[in-house]
Structure formats: structure tokens, C-alpha cells
Amino acid sequence: MRDDYLQAAYLVIPDANVLINVVSRRVKQLRRGARPLVESLEKLLPEDVALREVIEGKISYALGAD
């Protein structure tokens, strides 16, 4: 996992627990064959693709009511 992507994703989703859950769910989707929402000229790991999607605003999330 690229540290620069992680730091940039923290700026979008500052809560580490939420960020981990969002990225984890997306990585599972990507590993099951979902198409990436971002393009890259380099070969990225699913974790990096998910982080890029967060950074670029391609993934949204909603917190449930307690």
C-alpha cells in the first residue's frame, strides 16, 4: 500500500476506522472482479486502487444511525 495514497485518503476520510472499512469493502469488490473506477498507467494493487478511488471522490459512504 502506497503511503502517499494513504495520507491523501486521510484528508478525504479523516476517521481511520471509517477509512479502513471503506477501503476494505472496496478491495473485496475489486478482488471479486469489480471494475476499477479510476484509470492508471501503472499496475496498482487493489488496495491502492481503492485508495485512489477515495482520493478522487469516486467512492462515497454513509454512517448509519446508532
N, C-alpha and C. Protein backbone atom coordinates (compact mmCIF):
# COMPACT_ATOMS: atom_id res chain seq x y z
N MET A 1 0.84 -1.17 0.00
CA MET A 1 0.00 0.00 0.00
C MET A 1 0.89 1.23 0.00
N ARG A 2 0.58 2.15 -0.91
CA ARG A 2 1.42 3.33 -1.05
C ARG A 2 1.08 4.36 0.04
N ASP A 3 2.12 4.81 0.73
CA ASP A 3 1.95 5.74 1.84
C ASP A 3 1.38 7.08 1.37
N ASP A 4 1.80 7.55 0.18
CA ASP A 4 1.28 8.83 -0.30
C ASP A 4 -0.21 8.76 -0.57
N TYR A 5 -0.70 7.64 -1.07
CA TYR A 5 -2.14 7.47 -1.29
C TYR A 5 -2.87 7.43 0.05
N LEU A 6 -2.28 6.75 1.02
CA LEU A 6 -2.90 6.64 2.33
C LEU A 6 -3.05 8.01 2.99
N GLN A 7 -1.99 8.81 2.93
CA GLN A 7 -2.04 10.15 3.53
C GLN A 7 -3.07 11.03 2.83
N ALA A 8 -3.16 10.94 1.52
CA ALA A 8 -4.14 11.74 0.78
C ALA A 8 -5.56 11.27 1.08
N ALA A 9 -5.75 9.97 1.27
CA ALA A 9 -7.08 9.45 1.59
C ALA A 9 -7.52 9.90 2.98
N TYR A 10 -6.57 10.05 3.91
CA TYR A 10 -6.89 10.55 5.25
C TYR A 10 -7.44 11.97 5.19
N LEU A 11 -7.06 12.73 4.20
CA LEU A 11 -7.59 14.09 4.05
C LEU A 11 -9.06 14.05 3.63
N VAL A 12 -9.45 13.01 2.90
CA VAL A 12 -10.84 12.87 2.44
C VAL A 12 -11.71 12.24 3.54
N ILE A 13 -11.19 11.18 4.16
CA ILE A 13 -11.89 10.49 5.25
C ILE A 13 -10.96 10.50 6.46
N PRO A 14 -11.09 11.51 7.33
CA PRO A 14 -10.14 11.65 8.44
C PRO A 14 -10.26 10.60 9.55
N ASP A 15 -11.37 9.90 9.63
CA ASP A 15 -11.54 8.87 10.65
C ASP A 15 -10.90 7.57 10.15
N ALA A 16 -9.86 7.13 10.82
CA ALA A 16 -9.10 5.96 10.37
C ALA A 16 -9.97 4.71 10.30
N ASN A 17 -10.86 4.53 11.26
CA ASN A 17 -11.72 3.34 11.26
C ASN A 17 -12.65 3.32 10.06
N VAL A 18 -13.23 4.46 9.73
CA VAL A 18 -14.12 4.54 8.58
C VAL A 18 -13.33 4.31 7.30
N LEU A 19 -12.15 4.92 7.20
CA LEU A 19 -11.32 4.75 6.01
C LEU A 19 -10.96 3.28 5.80
N ILE A 20 -10.58 2.61 6.86
CA ILE A 20 -10.22 1.19 6.77
C ILE A 20 -11.41 0.37 6.29
N ASN A 21 -12.58 0.64 6.82
CA ASN A 21 -13.78 -0.11 6.42
C ASN A 21 -14.15 0.15 4.97
N VAL A 22 -14.09 1.41 4.54
CA VAL A 22 -14.43 1.75 3.16
C VAL A 22 -13.45 1.08 2.20
N VAL A 23 -12.17 1.19 2.47
CA VAL A 23 -11.15 0.61 1.60
C VAL A 23 -11.24 -0.91 1.61
N SER A 24 -11.44 -1.50 2.76
CA SER A 24 -11.53 -2.95 2.87
C SER A 24 -12.70 -3.49 2.04
N ARG A 25 -13.85 -2.86 2.15
CA ARG A 25 -15.01 -3.30 1.39
C ARG A 25 -14.76 -3.19 -0.12
N ARG A 26 -14.13 -2.08 -0.52
CA ARG A 26 -13.86 -1.88 -1.95
C ARG A 26 -12.83 -2.88 -2.47
N VAL A 27 -11.82 -3.18 -1.66
CA VAL A 27 -10.80 -4.16 -2.07
C VAL A 27 -11.45 -5.51 -2.31
N LYS A 28 -12.37 -5.91 -1.45
CA LYS A 28 -13.09 -7.18 -1.65
C LYS A 28 -13.84 -7.17 -2.97
N GLN A 29 -14.50 -6.05 -3.28
CA GLN A 29 -15.22 -5.94 -4.54
C GLN A 29 -14.27 -6.05 -5.73
N LEU A 30 -13.13 -5.37 -5.65
CA LEU A 30 -12.16 -5.40 -6.74
C LEU A 30 -11.60 -6.81 -6.94
N ARG A 31 -11.33 -7.50 -5.86
CA ARG A 31 -10.79 -8.86 -5.96
C ARG A 31 -11.80 -9.84 -6.52
N ARG A 32 -13.08 -9.52 -6.38
CA ARG A 32 -14.14 -10.38 -6.93
C ARG A 32 -14.45 -10.03 -8.38
N GLY A 33 -13.73 -9.07 -8.94
CA GLY A 33 -13.89 -8.78 -10.35
C GLY A 33 -14.54 -7.45 -10.69
N ALA A 34 -14.84 -6.63 -9.70
CA ALA A 34 -15.41 -5.31 -9.98
C ALA A 34 -14.41 -4.47 -10.76
N ARG A 35 -14.90 -3.64 -11.64
CA ARG A 35 -14.02 -2.80 -12.45
C ARG A 35 -13.58 -1.59 -11.65
N PRO A 36 -12.32 -1.21 -11.75
CA PRO A 36 -11.84 0.00 -11.06
C PRO A 36 -12.54 1.25 -11.60
N LEU A 37 -12.75 2.21 -10.72
CA LEU A 37 -13.39 3.47 -11.09
C LEU A 37 -12.38 4.53 -11.48
N VAL A 38 -11.10 4.19 -11.39
CA VAL A 38 -10.03 5.11 -11.77
C VAL A 38 -9.12 4.41 -12.77
N GLU A 39 -8.47 5.19 -13.60
CA GLU A 39 -7.51 4.64 -14.56
C GLU A 39 -6.10 4.92 -14.07
N SER A 40 -5.20 4.03 -14.40
CA SER A 40 -3.81 4.21 -14.00
C SER A 40 -2.91 3.65 -15.09
N LEU A 41 -1.82 4.34 -15.33
CA LEU A 41 -0.85 3.86 -16.30
C LEU A 41 0.06 2.80 -15.69
N GLU A 42 0.10 2.75 -14.37
CA GLU A 42 0.92 1.75 -13.70
C GLU A 42 0.03 0.66 -13.11
N LYS A 43 0.61 -0.49 -12.84
CA LYS A 43 -0.11 -1.60 -12.23
C LYS A 43 -0.22 -1.34 -10.74
N LEU A 44 -1.44 -1.22 -10.25
CA LEU A 44 -1.66 -0.94 -8.83
C LEU A 44 -2.28 -2.14 -8.13
N LEU A 45 -1.96 -2.28 -6.86
CA LEU A 45 -2.61 -3.29 -6.03
C LEU A 45 -4.06 -2.87 -5.79
N PRO A 46 -4.95 -3.81 -5.50
CA PRO A 46 -6.34 -3.44 -5.23
C PRO A 46 -6.47 -2.41 -4.10
N GLU A 47 -5.59 -2.49 -3.11
CA GLU A 47 -5.61 -1.53 -2.01
C GLU A 47 -5.33 -0.12 -2.51
N ASP A 48 -4.37 0.00 -3.41
CA ASP A 48 -4.02 1.31 -3.96
C ASP A 48 -5.13 1.85 -4.87
N VAL A 49 -5.77 0.96 -5.62
CA VAL A 49 -6.89 1.37 -6.47
C VAL A 49 -8.00 1.93 -5.58
N ALA A 50 -8.33 1.22 -4.51
CA ALA A 50 -9.39 1.66 -3.60
C ALA A 50 -9.03 3.01 -2.98
N LEU A 51 -7.79 3.20 -2.58
CA LEU A 51 -7.38 4.48 -2.01
C LEU A 51 -7.48 5.60 -3.05
N ARG A 52 -7.08 5.33 -4.28
CA ARG A 52 -7.21 6.34 -5.34
C ARG A 52 -8.66 6.69 -5.58
N GLU A 53 -9.54 5.70 -5.52
CA GLU A 53 -10.96 5.96 -5.70
C GLU A 53 -11.50 6.87 -4.60
N VAL A 54 -11.03 6.66 -3.37
CA VAL A 54 -11.42 7.54 -2.26
C VAL A 54 -10.88 8.94 -2.51
N ILE A 55 -9.63 9.05 -2.86
CA ILE A 55 -8.98 10.35 -3.08
C ILE A 55 -9.70 11.15 -4.16
N GLU A 56 -10.08 10.47 -5.23
CA GLU A 56 -10.72 11.15 -6.36
C GLU A 56 -12.22 11.31 -6.20
N GLY A 57 -12.76 10.91 -5.05
CA GLY A 57 -14.18 11.10 -4.79
C GLY A 57 -15.09 10.15 -5.53
N LYS A 58 -14.57 9.03 -5.99
CA LYS A 58 -15.36 8.05 -6.72
C LYS A 58 -16.17 7.15 -5.81
N ILE A 59 -15.80 7.12 -4.52
CA ILE A 59 -16.48 6.28 -3.54
C ILE A 59 -17.07 7.18 -2.47
N SER A 60 -18.32 6.96 -2.15
CA SER A 60 -18.94 7.69 -1.05
C SER A 60 -19.31 6.70 0.05
N TYR A 61 -19.62 7.22 1.21
CA TYR A 61 -20.00 6.36 2.32
C TYR A 61 -21.01 7.12 3.18
N ALA A 62 -21.78 6.38 3.92
CA ALA A 62 -22.74 6.98 4.85
C ALA A 62 -22.65 6.22 6.17
N LEU A 63 -22.65 6.95 7.25
CA LEU A 63 -22.63 6.31 8.56
C LEU A 63 -24.05 6.06 9.02
N GLY A 64 -24.31 4.87 9.53
CA GLY A 64 -25.64 4.52 10.00
C GLY A 64 -25.95 5.19 11.33
N ALA A 65 -27.21 5.31 11.62
CA ALA A 65 -27.65 5.88 12.90
C ALA A 65 -27.41 4.87 14.01
N ASP A 66 -27.04 5.36 15.16
CA ASP A 66 -26.77 4.47 16.31
C ASP A 66 -28.04 4.05 17.00
